[in-house]
């Protein structure tokens, strides 16, 4: 019984935090996923796009769409690894 109360309290706190965060992201012109991307780039500027997608638990194609909507992020393309294109992401 006590675990149920704790679970419901944690669920309520999580929901309140998510709602408040979503509102602030909208006010800043960001989607819910973009702060996570910016946080990672702040610590690993120049990360390979494929690795960034993996850290964000999203597909690389989804990340490409998200990055194309952000004006402060740019992508540099390199030819590496047996002539395959590698995209590095910068703030």
Protein backbone atom coordinates (compact mmCIF):
# COMPACT_ATOMS: atom_id res chain seq x y z
CA UNK A 1 0.00 0.00 0.00
CA UNK A 2 2.77 2.45 0.88
CA UNK A 3 4.51 1.62 -2.41
CA UNK A 4 1.37 2.57 -4.31
CA UNK A 5 1.30 5.99 -2.64
CA UNK A 6 4.97 6.55 -3.40
CA UNK A 7 4.51 5.44 -7.00
CA UNK A 8 1.56 7.79 -7.49
CA UNK A 9 3.46 10.68 -5.90
CA UNK A 10 6.47 10.08 -8.17
CA UNK A 11 4.22 9.77 -11.20
CA UNK A 12 2.56 13.08 -10.32
CA UNK A 13 5.92 14.82 -9.86
CA UNK A 14 7.17 13.44 -13.18
CA UNK A 15 4.03 14.63 -14.97
CA UNK A 16 4.27 18.11 -13.44
CA UNK A 17 7.93 18.39 -14.39
CA UNK A 18 7.23 17.24 -17.96
CA UNK A 19 4.42 19.79 -18.36
CA UNK A 20 6.55 22.64 -16.98
CA UNK A 21 9.52 21.67 -19.18
CA UNK A 22 7.35 21.41 -22.29
CA UNK A 23 5.95 24.89 -21.65
CA UNK A 24 9.42 26.40 -21.22
CA UNK A 25 10.74 24.64 -24.33
CA UNK A 26 7.86 26.08 -26.35
CA UNK A 27 8.62 29.55 -24.96
CA UNK A 28 12.23 29.14 -26.13
CA UNK A 29 11.17 27.86 -29.55
CA UNK A 30 12.53 24.37 -28.91
CA UNK A 31 11.03 20.94 -29.34
CA UNK A 32 11.15 18.51 -26.42
CA UNK A 33 14.16 16.68 -27.88
CA UNK A 34 16.31 19.68 -28.81
CA UNK A 35 17.51 20.52 -25.26
CA UNK A 36 18.94 17.00 -24.97
CA UNK A 37 20.77 17.43 -28.27
CA UNK A 38 22.14 20.82 -27.21
CA UNK A 39 23.23 19.41 -23.85
CA UNK A 40 25.18 16.62 -25.55
CA UNK A 41 26.72 19.00 -28.10
CA UNK A 42 27.84 21.35 -25.34
CA UNK A 43 29.97 18.52 -23.96
CA UNK A 44 30.87 16.76 -27.23
CA UNK A 45 30.89 19.40 -29.98
CA UNK A 46 31.86 17.78 -33.26
CA UNK A 47 30.27 14.43 -32.43
CA UNK A 48 29.45 12.11 -35.32
CA UNK A 49 25.76 12.36 -36.20
CA UNK A 50 25.25 8.59 -35.96
CA UNK A 51 26.69 8.59 -32.42
CA UNK A 52 24.54 11.55 -31.42
CA UNK A 53 21.42 9.75 -32.64
CA UNK A 54 22.41 6.70 -30.61
CA UNK A 55 22.92 8.79 -27.46
CA UNK A 56 19.48 10.36 -27.98
CA UNK A 57 17.90 6.93 -28.63
CA UNK A 58 16.49 8.04 -31.99
CA UNK A 59 17.06 7.04 -35.60
CA UNK A 60 19.71 9.00 -37.54
CA UNK A 61 17.06 10.07 -40.08
CA UNK A 62 14.92 11.53 -37.27
CA UNK A 63 17.94 13.42 -35.97
CA UNK A 64 18.62 14.80 -39.46
CA UNK A 65 15.13 16.29 -39.58
CA UNK A 66 15.48 17.73 -36.06
CA UNK A 67 18.86 19.28 -36.83
CA UNK A 68 17.60 20.86 -40.04
CA UNK A 69 15.04 22.82 -37.98
CA UNK A 70 17.66 24.30 -35.64
CA UNK A 71 19.55 27.42 -36.73
CA UNK A 72 22.37 27.25 -34.19
CA UNK A 73 23.54 23.74 -35.15
CA UNK A 74 25.52 22.99 -38.27
CA UNK A 75 26.66 19.77 -39.86
CA UNK A 76 29.99 19.24 -41.57
CA UNK A 77 30.40 16.31 -43.97
CA UNK A 78 33.67 14.38 -44.17
CA UNK A 79 34.57 11.49 -46.44
CA UNK A 80 36.00 8.83 -44.17
CA UNK A 81 35.87 5.12 -43.52
CA UNK A 82 36.16 3.53 -46.95
CA UNK A 83 34.76 6.58 -48.76
CA UNK A 84 31.53 6.78 -46.74
CA UNK A 85 30.27 10.20 -45.72
CA UNK A 86 30.48 10.97 -42.03
CA UNK A 87 28.54 13.92 -40.66
CA UNK A 88 29.85 15.74 -37.60
CA UNK A 89 27.54 18.04 -35.65
CA UNK A 90 28.55 21.37 -34.07
CA UNK A 91 26.92 24.16 -32.13
